[in-house]
Amino acid sequence: MYRYSQKWFYDSEIYHYLKDYLNDSKKITMLEIGCFEGLSTCHFCDKFLSHEESSLDAVDPFLSINDNDHSQYLEKDSVEDNFDYNTSICNNKNKLMIHKITSDKYFETNKKKYDFIYIDGCHLCDFIKRDMKNSFENLNEGGIMWMDDYLGGAVGDDSIKQTMDEFIENHKDKLQLLHSGYQLAIKKS
């Protein structure tokens, strides 16, 4: 049984709809930016890594930064301990590579391309812009990029939705919109 202090992931659109977009019988290379307590990480491992060559890279620095909109949870609960425990008991944990660094650091050295990328990292707009840019560059053609908190409001002076909309507008000839709700999903074309 997984340990968690928040059940956000179980209420998310990705939890309910991702199965409509991914075929777990085929090889899937996955990247997750922002893991919190690992519920999404474990869901991806449990449900989408059954192919012998499938893999998941999970990236999260597990540190409290200035203006972190989850700082109240980082102070009160042991998020990293829950993540470590949860990922130690999930299915296909041997196909999971954990990177306890920032996404910026990860992308500095990453050489992989991905079929699916889930972005739920830092909610500051500058970070979102870089995560979307770097993820899109590392996404295979036909790959899916799914972003959390599209309708999540504002952090700082810019809105999250506005930041994601600008990215979509600037890349509209290279993507297809798959899902738009509280979360946003696109397919690279």
N, C-alpha and C. Protein backbone atom coordinates (compact mmCIF):
# COMPACT_ATOMS: atom_id res chain seq x y z
N MET A 1 0.84 -1.18 0.00
CA MET A 1 0.00 0.00 0.00
C MET A 1 0.89 1.25 0.00
N TYR A 2 0.59 2.15 -0.91
CA TYR A 2 1.39 3.37 -1.02
C TYR A 2 1.10 4.33 0.13
N ARG A 3 2.13 5.10 0.51
CA ARG A 3 2.01 6.12 1.56
C ARG A 3 1.95 7.48 0.90
N TYR A 4 0.98 8.28 1.30
CA TYR A 4 0.90 9.63 0.75
C TYR A 4 0.15 10.54 1.72
N SER A 5 0.46 11.83 1.63
CA SER A 5 -0.24 12.82 2.44
C SER A 5 -1.30 13.55 1.62
N GLN A 6 -1.15 13.53 0.30
CA GLN A 6 -2.08 14.20 -0.60
C GLN A 6 -2.51 13.21 -1.68
N LYS A 7 -3.77 13.26 -2.09
CA LYS A 7 -4.26 12.34 -3.11
C LYS A 7 -4.53 13.04 -4.44
N TRP A 8 -3.88 14.16 -4.69
CA TRP A 8 -4.10 14.94 -5.91
C TRP A 8 -4.05 14.06 -7.16
N PHE A 9 -3.04 13.22 -7.24
CA PHE A 9 -2.84 12.45 -8.48
C PHE A 9 -4.04 11.57 -8.79
N TYR A 10 -4.64 10.97 -7.77
CA TYR A 10 -5.78 10.08 -8.00
C TYR A 10 -7.01 10.82 -8.52
N ASP A 11 -7.05 12.12 -8.34
CA ASP A 11 -8.15 12.94 -8.85
C ASP A 11 -7.82 13.61 -10.18
N SER A 12 -6.63 13.38 -10.71
CA SER A 12 -6.17 14.11 -11.90
C SER A 12 -6.70 13.50 -13.19
N GLU A 13 -6.71 14.33 -14.22
CA GLU A 13 -7.14 13.90 -15.54
C GLU A 13 -6.20 12.85 -16.13
N ILE A 14 -4.90 13.01 -15.92
CA ILE A 14 -3.93 12.06 -16.45
C ILE A 14 -4.17 10.66 -15.88
N TYR A 15 -4.50 10.60 -14.61
CA TYR A 15 -4.78 9.31 -13.96
C TYR A 15 -5.94 8.60 -14.66
N HIS A 16 -6.94 9.36 -15.06
CA HIS A 16 -8.14 8.78 -15.66
C HIS A 16 -8.05 8.58 -17.17
N TYR A 17 -7.25 9.40 -17.89
CA TYR A 17 -7.29 9.39 -19.35
C TYR A 17 -6.03 8.90 -20.05
N LEU A 18 -4.91 8.79 -19.37
CA LEU A 18 -3.67 8.43 -20.06
C LEU A 18 -3.76 7.09 -20.77
N LYS A 19 -4.51 6.17 -20.21
CA LYS A 19 -4.66 4.84 -20.82
C LYS A 19 -5.26 4.92 -22.22
N ASP A 20 -5.96 6.02 -22.52
CA ASP A 20 -6.54 6.20 -23.85
C ASP A 20 -5.49 6.60 -24.89
N TYR A 21 -4.30 6.99 -24.44
CA TYR A 21 -3.28 7.51 -25.35
C TYR A 21 -2.02 6.65 -25.44
N LEU A 22 -1.79 5.80 -24.45
CA LEU A 22 -0.57 4.98 -24.44
C LEU A 22 -0.91 3.50 -24.54
N ASN A 23 -0.12 2.77 -25.29
CA ASN A 23 -0.28 1.33 -25.45
C ASN A 23 0.85 0.65 -24.67
N ASP A 24 0.51 0.09 -23.53
CA ASP A 24 1.54 -0.48 -22.65
C ASP A 24 2.15 -1.77 -23.20
N SER A 25 1.61 -2.32 -24.28
CA SER A 25 2.20 -3.52 -24.85
C SER A 25 3.39 -3.19 -25.75
N LYS A 26 3.57 -1.91 -26.06
CA LYS A 26 4.71 -1.46 -26.86
C LYS A 26 5.74 -0.78 -25.97
N LYS A 27 6.96 -0.68 -26.45
CA LYS A 27 8.02 0.02 -25.72
C LYS A 27 7.64 1.49 -25.55
N ILE A 28 7.72 1.97 -24.32
CA ILE A 28 7.44 3.37 -24.01
C ILE A 28 8.60 3.91 -23.18
N THR A 29 9.18 5.02 -23.65
CA THR A 29 10.18 5.73 -22.85
C THR A 29 9.49 6.94 -22.25
N MET A 30 9.57 7.04 -20.92
CA MET A 30 8.83 8.07 -20.19
C MET A 30 9.78 8.94 -19.37
N LEU A 31 9.39 10.20 -19.23
CA LEU A 31 10.09 11.15 -18.36
C LEU A 31 9.04 11.84 -17.51
N GLU A 32 9.33 11.95 -16.22
CA GLU A 32 8.46 12.68 -15.31
C GLU A 32 9.28 13.77 -14.64
N ILE A 33 8.78 15.00 -14.72
CA ILE A 33 9.43 16.15 -14.08
C ILE A 33 8.54 16.58 -12.92
N GLY A 34 9.04 16.40 -11.72
CA GLY A 34 8.27 16.69 -10.52
C GLY A 34 7.53 15.46 -10.07
N CYS A 35 7.94 14.88 -8.95
CA CYS A 35 7.40 13.58 -8.53
C CYS A 35 6.62 13.62 -7.22
N PHE A 36 6.85 14.64 -6.41
CA PHE A 36 6.23 14.77 -5.09
C PHE A 36 6.40 13.45 -4.33
N GLU A 37 5.33 12.77 -3.96
CA GLU A 37 5.45 11.55 -3.17
C GLU A 37 5.48 10.27 -4.01
N GLY A 38 5.50 10.43 -5.33
CA GLY A 38 5.69 9.29 -6.21
C GLY A 38 4.42 8.57 -6.64
N LEU A 39 3.26 9.13 -6.38
CA LEU A 39 2.05 8.44 -6.81
C LEU A 39 1.95 8.36 -8.33
N SER A 40 2.28 9.44 -9.02
CA SER A 40 2.28 9.38 -10.48
C SER A 40 3.39 8.47 -10.98
N THR A 41 4.56 8.56 -10.37
CA THR A 41 5.69 7.71 -10.74
C THR A 41 5.29 6.24 -10.64
N CYS A 42 4.70 5.86 -9.52
CA CYS A 42 4.29 4.47 -9.32
C CYS A 42 3.18 4.06 -10.28
N HIS A 43 2.26 4.97 -10.55
CA HIS A 43 1.19 4.67 -11.52
C HIS A 43 1.79 4.38 -12.89
N PHE A 44 2.73 5.21 -13.32
CA PHE A 44 3.37 4.98 -14.62
C PHE A 44 4.09 3.64 -14.62
N CYS A 45 4.83 3.35 -13.55
CA CYS A 45 5.54 2.06 -13.46
C CYS A 45 4.56 0.89 -13.46
N ASP A 46 3.50 1.00 -12.67
CA ASP A 46 2.54 -0.09 -12.52
C ASP A 46 1.74 -0.36 -13.80
N LYS A 47 1.39 0.70 -14.52
CA LYS A 47 0.44 0.57 -15.63
C LYS A 47 1.04 0.64 -17.03
N PHE A 48 2.23 1.23 -17.19
CA PHE A 48 2.70 1.49 -18.55
C PHE A 48 4.10 0.96 -18.87
N LEU A 49 4.71 0.25 -17.97
CA LEU A 49 6.07 -0.25 -18.23
C LEU A 49 6.13 -1.76 -18.38
N SER A 50 5.07 -2.38 -18.84
CA SER A 50 5.07 -3.84 -18.93
C SER A 50 5.98 -4.37 -20.04
N HIS A 51 6.20 -3.61 -21.10
CA HIS A 51 7.12 -4.04 -22.17
C HIS A 51 8.53 -4.11 -21.60
N GLU A 52 9.26 -5.13 -21.97
CA GLU A 52 10.60 -5.36 -21.40
C GLU A 52 11.58 -4.21 -21.64
N GLU A 53 11.37 -3.41 -22.69
CA GLU A 53 12.29 -2.31 -22.98
C GLU A 53 11.76 -0.94 -22.54
N SER A 54 10.60 -0.89 -21.92
CA SER A 54 10.05 0.38 -21.45
C SER A 54 10.85 0.89 -20.25
N SER A 55 10.83 2.22 -20.08
CA SER A 55 11.58 2.82 -18.97
C SER A 55 10.97 4.15 -18.56
N LEU A 56 11.29 4.56 -17.34
CA LEU A 56 10.84 5.84 -16.81
C LEU A 56 12.00 6.52 -16.10
N ASP A 57 12.26 7.78 -16.46
CA ASP A 57 13.19 8.64 -15.74
C ASP A 57 12.36 9.60 -14.91
N ALA A 58 12.58 9.62 -13.60
CA ALA A 58 11.84 10.49 -12.68
C ALA A 58 12.81 11.55 -12.15
N VAL A 59 12.46 12.82 -12.33
CA VAL A 59 13.34 13.93 -11.99
C VAL A 59 12.67 14.82 -10.95
N ASP A 60 13.30 14.97 -9.79
CA ASP A 60 12.81 15.87 -8.75
C ASP A 60 13.95 16.13 -7.78
N PRO A 61 14.24 17.41 -7.47
CA PRO A 61 15.34 17.70 -6.54
C PRO A 61 14.94 17.53 -5.08
N PHE A 62 13.65 17.41 -4.78
CA PHE A 62 13.16 17.25 -3.41
C PHE A 62 13.72 18.30 -2.46
N LEU A 63 13.64 19.55 -2.88
CA LEU A 63 14.06 20.60 -1.96
C LEU A 63 13.09 21.76 -2.00
N SER A 64 13.05 22.45 -0.91
CA SER A 64 12.16 23.59 -0.79
C SER A 64 12.88 24.82 -1.34
N ILE A 65 12.33 25.41 -2.39
CA ILE A 65 12.93 26.61 -2.98
C ILE A 65 12.04 27.81 -2.67
N ASN A 66 12.58 28.99 -2.80
CA ASN A 66 11.79 30.19 -2.60
C ASN A 66 10.59 30.17 -3.52
N ASP A 67 9.45 30.56 -3.02
CA ASP A 67 8.20 30.63 -3.78
C ASP A 67 7.69 29.26 -4.21
N ASN A 68 8.15 28.18 -3.61
CA ASN A 68 7.62 26.87 -3.93
C ASN A 68 6.20 26.79 -3.42
N ASP A 69 5.25 26.56 -4.32
CA ASP A 69 3.85 26.55 -3.91
C ASP A 69 3.46 25.28 -3.15
N HIS A 70 4.39 24.37 -2.95
CA HIS A 70 4.15 23.16 -2.15
C HIS A 70 4.96 23.19 -0.85
N SER A 71 5.53 24.34 -0.49
CA SER A 71 6.43 24.39 0.67
C SER A 71 5.74 23.94 1.96
N GLN A 72 4.45 24.21 2.10
CA GLN A 72 3.77 23.78 3.32
C GLN A 72 3.76 22.27 3.45
N TYR A 73 3.75 21.55 2.34
CA TYR A 73 3.76 20.09 2.39
C TYR A 73 5.18 19.58 2.60
N LEU A 74 6.15 20.28 2.04
CA LEU A 74 7.53 19.86 2.20
C LEU A 74 7.98 20.01 3.64
N GLU A 75 7.45 21.01 4.35
CA GLU A 75 7.83 21.22 5.74
C GLU A 75 7.16 20.22 6.67
N LYS A 76 5.89 19.90 6.40
CA LYS A 76 5.13 19.11 7.36
C LYS A 76 5.30 17.61 7.18
N ASP A 77 5.53 17.16 5.99
CA ASP A 77 5.62 15.72 5.72
C ASP A 77 6.98 15.40 5.12
N SER A 78 7.33 14.17 5.21
CA SER A 78 8.58 13.74 4.61
C SER A 78 8.30 13.26 3.18
N VAL A 79 8.18 14.20 2.28
CA VAL A 79 7.84 13.90 0.89
C VAL A 79 8.84 12.95 0.27
N GLU A 80 10.11 13.23 0.44
CA GLU A 80 11.14 12.39 -0.17
C GLU A 80 11.11 10.98 0.42
N ASP A 81 10.90 10.85 1.72
CA ASP A 81 10.80 9.51 2.32
C ASP A 81 9.62 8.74 1.75
N ASN A 82 8.48 9.41 1.57
CA ASN A 82 7.32 8.73 0.97
C ASN A 82 7.62 8.33 -0.47
N PHE A 83 8.28 9.23 -1.22
CA PHE A 83 8.66 8.90 -2.60
C PHE A 83 9.55 7.66 -2.62
N ASP A 84 10.59 7.66 -1.79
CA ASP A 84 11.52 6.52 -1.75
C ASP A 84 10.79 5.22 -1.39
N TYR A 85 9.93 5.29 -0.39
CA TYR A 85 9.17 4.09 0.00
C TYR A 85 8.26 3.63 -1.14
N ASN A 86 7.47 4.54 -1.68
CA ASN A 86 6.51 4.18 -2.73
C ASN A 86 7.20 3.57 -3.94
N THR A 87 8.29 4.18 -4.39
CA THR A 87 8.96 3.65 -5.57
C THR A 87 9.68 2.33 -5.27
N SER A 88 9.95 2.05 -4.02
CA SER A 88 10.60 0.78 -3.67
C SER A 88 9.65 -0.40 -3.74
N ILE A 89 8.34 -0.14 -3.73
CA ILE A 89 7.37 -1.24 -3.75
C ILE A 89 6.53 -1.29 -5.03
N CYS A 90 6.77 -0.39 -5.97
CA CYS A 90 5.95 -0.38 -7.19
C CYS A 90 6.39 -1.49 -8.15
N ASN A 91 5.49 -1.84 -9.06
CA ASN A 91 5.82 -2.79 -10.12
C ASN A 91 6.84 -2.16 -11.07
N ASN A 92 7.64 -2.96 -11.68
CA ASN A 92 8.61 -2.51 -12.69
C ASN A 92 9.61 -1.48 -12.17
N LYS A 93 9.89 -1.50 -10.87
CA LYS A 93 10.83 -0.53 -10.29
C LYS A 93 12.23 -0.67 -10.89
N ASN A 94 12.52 -1.82 -11.47
CA ASN A 94 13.82 -2.02 -12.13
C ASN A 94 13.93 -1.22 -13.43
N LYS A 95 12.82 -0.70 -13.93
CA LYS A 95 12.81 0.11 -15.15
C LYS A 95 12.75 1.60 -14.85
N LEU A 96 12.88 1.93 -13.57
CA LEU A 96 12.79 3.31 -13.09
C LEU A 96 14.18 3.83 -12.75
N MET A 97 14.52 4.97 -13.33
CA MET A 97 15.77 5.67 -12.99
C MET A 97 15.38 6.96 -12.28
N ILE A 98 15.87 7.14 -11.06
CA ILE A 98 15.54 8.32 -10.25
C ILE A 98 16.70 9.30 -10.30
N HIS A 99 16.36 10.56 -10.60
CA HIS A 99 17.36 11.64 -10.69
C HIS A 99 16.95 12.73 -9.71
N LYS A 100 17.64 12.81 -8.58
CA LYS A 100 17.30 13.80 -7.56
C LYS A 100 18.08 15.09 -7.82
N ILE A 101 17.72 15.71 -8.94
CA ILE A 101 18.32 16.97 -9.38
C ILE A 101 17.21 17.82 -10.01
N THR A 102 17.51 19.07 -10.29
CA THR A 102 16.53 19.92 -10.96
C THR A 102 16.39 19.48 -12.41
N SER A 103 15.28 19.82 -13.00
CA SER A 103 15.07 19.50 -14.42
C SER A 103 16.09 20.24 -15.29
N ASP A 104 16.47 21.46 -14.91
CA ASP A 104 17.50 22.18 -15.67
C ASP A 104 18.80 21.38 -15.70
N LYS A 105 19.21 20.88 -14.55
CA LYS A 105 20.44 20.05 -14.49
C LYS A 105 20.27 18.77 -15.30
N TYR A 106 19.11 18.15 -15.21
CA TYR A 106 18.87 16.91 -15.94
C TYR A 106 19.03 17.13 -17.44
N PHE A 107 18.41 18.17 -17.95
CA PHE A 107 18.44 18.42 -19.39
C PHE A 107 19.82 18.84 -19.89
N GLU A 108 20.68 19.33 -19.01
CA GLU A 108 22.05 19.70 -19.43
C GLU A 108 22.81 18.50 -19.98
N THR A 109 22.54 17.31 -19.46
CA THR A 109 23.30 16.13 -19.86
C THR A 109 22.46 15.04 -20.52
N ASN A 110 21.13 15.21 -20.52
CA ASN A 110 20.27 14.17 -21.09
C ASN A 110 20.52 13.98 -22.58
N LYS A 111 20.59 12.73 -23.00
CA LYS A 111 20.74 12.40 -24.41
C LYS A 111 19.59 11.54 -24.92
N LYS A 112 18.63 11.25 -24.06
CA LYS A 112 17.50 10.39 -24.42
C LYS A 112 16.39 11.18 -25.10
N LYS A 113 15.60 10.46 -25.87
CA LYS A 113 14.36 10.97 -26.44
C LYS A 113 13.22 10.16 -25.81
N TYR A 114 12.08 10.79 -25.65
CA TYR A 114 10.98 10.18 -24.92
C TYR A 114 9.70 10.10 -25.76
N ASP A 115 8.90 9.07 -25.46
CA ASP A 115 7.59 8.91 -26.07
C ASP A 115 6.51 9.63 -25.27
N PHE A 116 6.79 9.81 -23.98
CA PHE A 116 5.83 10.47 -23.10
C PHE A 116 6.58 11.26 -22.03
N ILE A 117 6.16 12.50 -21.82
CA ILE A 117 6.76 13.35 -20.78
C ILE A 117 5.63 13.99 -19.98
N TYR A 118 5.71 13.86 -18.66
CA TYR A 118 4.75 14.48 -17.74
C TYR A 118 5.46 15.59 -17.00
N ILE A 119 4.94 16.81 -17.11
CA ILE A 119 5.54 17.98 -16.45
C ILE A 119 4.65 18.42 -15.30
N ASP A 120 5.18 18.28 -14.10
CA ASP A 120 4.51 18.75 -12.88
C ASP A 120 5.57 19.20 -11.88
N GLY A 121 6.53 19.98 -12.39
CA GLY A 121 7.63 20.44 -11.57
C GLY A 121 7.33 21.78 -10.93
N CYS A 122 8.33 22.62 -10.88
CA CYS A 122 8.19 23.94 -10.28
C CYS A 122 7.11 24.72 -11.04
N HIS A 123 6.25 25.40 -10.30
CA HIS A 123 5.12 26.11 -10.87
C HIS A 123 5.40 27.58 -11.18
N LEU A 124 6.63 28.01 -11.05
CA LEU A 124 7.00 29.37 -11.45
C LEU A 124 7.11 29.41 -12.97
N CYS A 125 6.60 30.46 -13.57
CA CYS A 125 6.47 30.52 -15.03
C CYS A 125 7.80 30.38 -15.77
N ASP A 126 8.89 30.94 -15.25
CA ASP A 126 10.19 30.77 -15.90
C ASP A 126 10.59 29.30 -15.96
N PHE A 127 10.32 28.55 -14.90
CA PHE A 127 10.62 27.12 -14.88
C PHE A 127 9.72 26.37 -15.85
N ILE A 128 8.43 26.73 -15.88
CA ILE A 128 7.49 26.08 -16.78
C ILE A 128 7.94 26.26 -18.23
N LYS A 129 8.34 27.48 -18.58
CA LYS A 129 8.81 27.76 -19.95
C LYS A 129 9.99 26.87 -20.31
N ARG A 130 10.97 26.78 -19.40
CA ARG A 130 12.15 25.95 -19.68
C ARG A 130 11.79 24.47 -19.72
N ASP A 131 10.94 24.02 -18.80
CA ASP A 131 10.55 22.61 -18.79
C ASP A 131 9.81 22.24 -20.07
N MET A 132 8.93 23.12 -20.53
CA MET A 132 8.20 22.82 -21.77
C MET A 132 9.14 22.84 -22.98
N LYS A 133 10.02 23.82 -23.05
CA LYS A 133 10.96 23.92 -24.16
C LYS A 133 11.88 22.70 -24.19
N ASN A 134 12.51 22.41 -23.07
CA ASN A 134 13.44 21.28 -23.00
C ASN A 134 12.74 19.95 -23.24
N SER A 135 11.56 19.79 -22.69
CA SER A 135 10.81 18.55 -22.87
C SER A 135 10.43 18.36 -24.33
N PHE A 136 9.93 19.41 -24.96
CA PHE A 136 9.52 19.31 -26.36
C PHE A 136 10.70 18.94 -27.25
N GLU A 137 11.87 19.51 -26.96
CA GLU A 137 13.07 19.18 -27.73
C GLU A 137 13.49 17.73 -27.54
N ASN A 138 13.15 17.14 -26.40
CA ASN A 138 13.53 15.76 -26.09
C ASN A 138 12.39 14.77 -26.28
N LEU A 139 11.32 15.21 -26.93
CA LEU A 139 10.16 14.38 -27.20
C LEU A 139 10.26 13.81 -28.61
N ASN A 140 10.03 12.52 -28.74
CA ASN A 140 10.00 11.89 -30.06
C ASN A 140 8.84 12.44 -30.87
N GLU A 141 8.98 12.41 -32.18
CA GLU A 141 7.86 12.74 -33.05
C GLU A 141 6.75 11.74 -32.77
N GLY A 142 5.54 12.24 -32.59
CA GLY A 142 4.42 11.40 -32.21
C GLY A 142 4.30 11.21 -30.71
N GLY A 143 5.27 11.75 -29.96
CA GLY A 143 5.26 11.62 -28.51
C GLY A 143 4.28 12.58 -27.86
N ILE A 144 3.92 12.27 -26.62
CA ILE A 144 2.93 13.05 -25.87
C ILE A 144 3.61 13.78 -24.72
N MET A 145 3.27 15.04 -24.58
CA MET A 145 3.73 15.86 -23.46
C MET A 145 2.48 16.30 -22.69
N TRP A 146 2.42 15.95 -21.41
CA TRP A 146 1.25 16.23 -20.58
C TRP A 146 1.69 17.16 -19.45
N MET A 147 0.97 18.28 -19.28
CA MET A 147 1.32 19.28 -18.27
C MET A 147 0.22 19.39 -17.22
N ASP A 148 0.62 19.44 -15.97
CA ASP A 148 -0.32 19.61 -14.87
C ASP A 148 -0.54 21.11 -14.63
N ASP A 149 -1.61 21.43 -13.94
CA ASP A 149 -1.89 22.78 -13.45
C ASP A 149 -2.11 23.83 -14.53
N TYR A 150 -2.55 23.42 -15.71
CA TYR A 150 -2.84 24.36 -16.79
C TYR A 150 -3.81 25.44 -16.32
N LEU A 151 -4.82 25.05 -15.59
CA LEU A 151 -5.77 26.02 -15.05
C LEU A 151 -5.50 26.29 -13.58
N GLY A 152 -4.25 26.12 -13.18
CA GLY A 152 -3.86 26.23 -11.78
C GLY A 152 -3.67 27.62 -11.26
N GLY A 153 -4.00 28.64 -12.02
CA GLY A 153 -3.89 29.99 -11.49
C GLY A 153 -2.55 30.62 -11.78
N ALA A 154 -2.14 31.51 -10.91
CA ALA A 154 -0.93 32.30 -11.14
C ALA A 154 0.07 32.10 -10.01
N VAL A 155 1.32 32.07 -10.38
CA VAL A 155 2.42 32.09 -9.43
C VAL A 155 3.34 33.20 -9.89
N GLY A 156 3.54 34.19 -9.07
CA GLY A 156 4.32 35.34 -9.51
C GLY A 156 3.44 36.27 -10.33
N ASP A 157 4.03 36.91 -11.33
CA ASP A 157 3.29 37.89 -12.12
C ASP A 157 2.58 37.29 -13.33
N ASP A 158 2.98 36.12 -13.78
CA ASP A 158 2.39 35.51 -14.97
C ASP A 158 1.47 34.37 -14.58
N SER A 159 0.53 34.07 -15.42
CA SER A 159 -0.33 32.93 -15.14
C SER A 159 0.26 31.68 -15.79
N ILE A 160 0.03 30.56 -15.17
CA ILE A 160 0.49 29.28 -15.71
C ILE A 160 -0.17 29.03 -17.06
N LYS A 161 -1.47 29.26 -17.15
CA LYS A 161 -2.20 29.06 -18.40
C LYS A 161 -1.62 29.93 -19.51
N GLN A 162 -1.37 31.19 -19.21
CA GLN A 162 -0.81 32.10 -20.22
C GLN A 162 0.55 31.60 -20.71
N THR A 163 1.38 31.13 -19.79
CA THR A 163 2.70 30.61 -20.15
C THR A 163 2.57 29.40 -21.07
N MET A 164 1.69 28.48 -20.73
CA MET A 164 1.50 27.28 -21.57
C MET A 164 0.86 27.64 -22.91
N ASP A 165 -0.09 28.57 -22.89
CA ASP A 165 -0.73 29.01 -24.14
C ASP A 165 0.29 29.63 -25.09
N GLU A 166 1.21 30.42 -24.56
CA GLU A 166 2.25 31.03 -25.40
C GLU A 166 3.10 29.95 -26.07
N PHE A 167 3.47 28.93 -25.31
CA PHE A 167 4.24 27.83 -25.87
C PHE A 167 3.45 27.15 -27.00
N ILE A 168 2.19 26.86 -26.74
CA ILE A 168 1.34 26.20 -27.74
C ILE A 168 1.25 27.06 -29.00
N GLU A 169 1.03 28.34 -28.84
CA GLU A 169 0.93 29.25 -29.99
C GLU A 169 2.23 29.29 -30.79
N ASN A 170 3.37 29.34 -30.09
CA ASN A 170 4.68 29.41 -30.76
C ASN A 170 5.06 28.11 -31.47
N HIS A 171 4.42 27.01 -31.11
CA HIS A 171 4.75 25.70 -31.70
C HIS A 171 3.56 25.05 -32.39
N LYS A 172 2.53 25.83 -32.69
CA LYS A 172 1.28 25.26 -33.19
C LYS A 172 1.43 24.45 -34.46
N ASP A 173 2.45 24.74 -35.26
CA ASP A 173 2.65 23.97 -36.49
C ASP A 173 3.39 22.66 -36.24
N LYS A 174 3.82 22.42 -34.99
CA LYS A 174 4.59 21.22 -34.67
C LYS A 174 3.88 20.33 -33.65
N LEU A 175 2.60 20.63 -33.36
CA LEU A 175 1.91 19.85 -32.33
C LEU A 175 0.43 19.76 -32.61
N GLN A 176 -0.18 18.81 -31.91
CA GLN A 176 -1.62 18.62 -31.96
C GLN A 176 -2.11 18.63 -30.51
N LEU A 177 -3.16 19.36 -30.24
CA LEU A 177 -3.75 19.40 -28.91
C LEU A 177 -4.55 18.12 -28.69
N LEU A 178 -4.23 17.38 -27.62
CA LEU A 178 -4.93 16.13 -27.31
C LEU A 178 -5.97 16.31 -26.21
N HIS A 179 -5.63 17.13 -25.21
CA HIS A 179 -6.50 17.26 -24.05
C HIS A 179 -6.34 18.66 -23.46
N SER A 180 -7.44 19.27 -23.10
CA SER A 180 -7.41 20.56 -22.43
C SER A 180 -8.49 20.58 -21.36
N GLY A 181 -8.04 20.72 -20.13
CA GLY A 181 -8.91 20.80 -18.97
C GLY A 181 -8.08 21.46 -17.88
N TYR A 182 -8.14 20.94 -16.67
CA TYR A 182 -7.24 21.44 -15.65
C TYR A 182 -5.80 21.13 -16.06
N GLN A 183 -5.61 20.02 -16.78
CA GLN A 183 -4.32 19.65 -17.34
C GLN A 183 -4.37 19.85 -18.85
N LEU A 184 -3.19 19.86 -19.45
CA LEU A 184 -3.06 20.09 -20.90
C LEU A 184 -2.16 19.01 -21.47
N ALA A 185 -2.56 18.44 -22.62
CA ALA A 185 -1.74 17.41 -23.27
C ALA A 185 -1.64 17.71 -24.75
N ILE A 186 -0.42 17.53 -25.29
CA ILE A 186 -0.17 17.75 -26.71
C ILE A 186 0.58 16.55 -27.28
N LYS A 187 0.51 16.42 -28.60
CA LYS A 187 1.25 15.39 -29.32
C LYS A 187 2.17 16.09 -30.32
N LYS A 188 3.43 15.72 -30.33
CA LYS A 188 4.39 16.31 -31.26
C LYS A 188 4.18 15.72 -32.65
N SER A 189 4.04 16.60 -33.65
CA SER A 189 3.82 16.11 -35.02
C SER A 189 4.99 16.48 -35.91
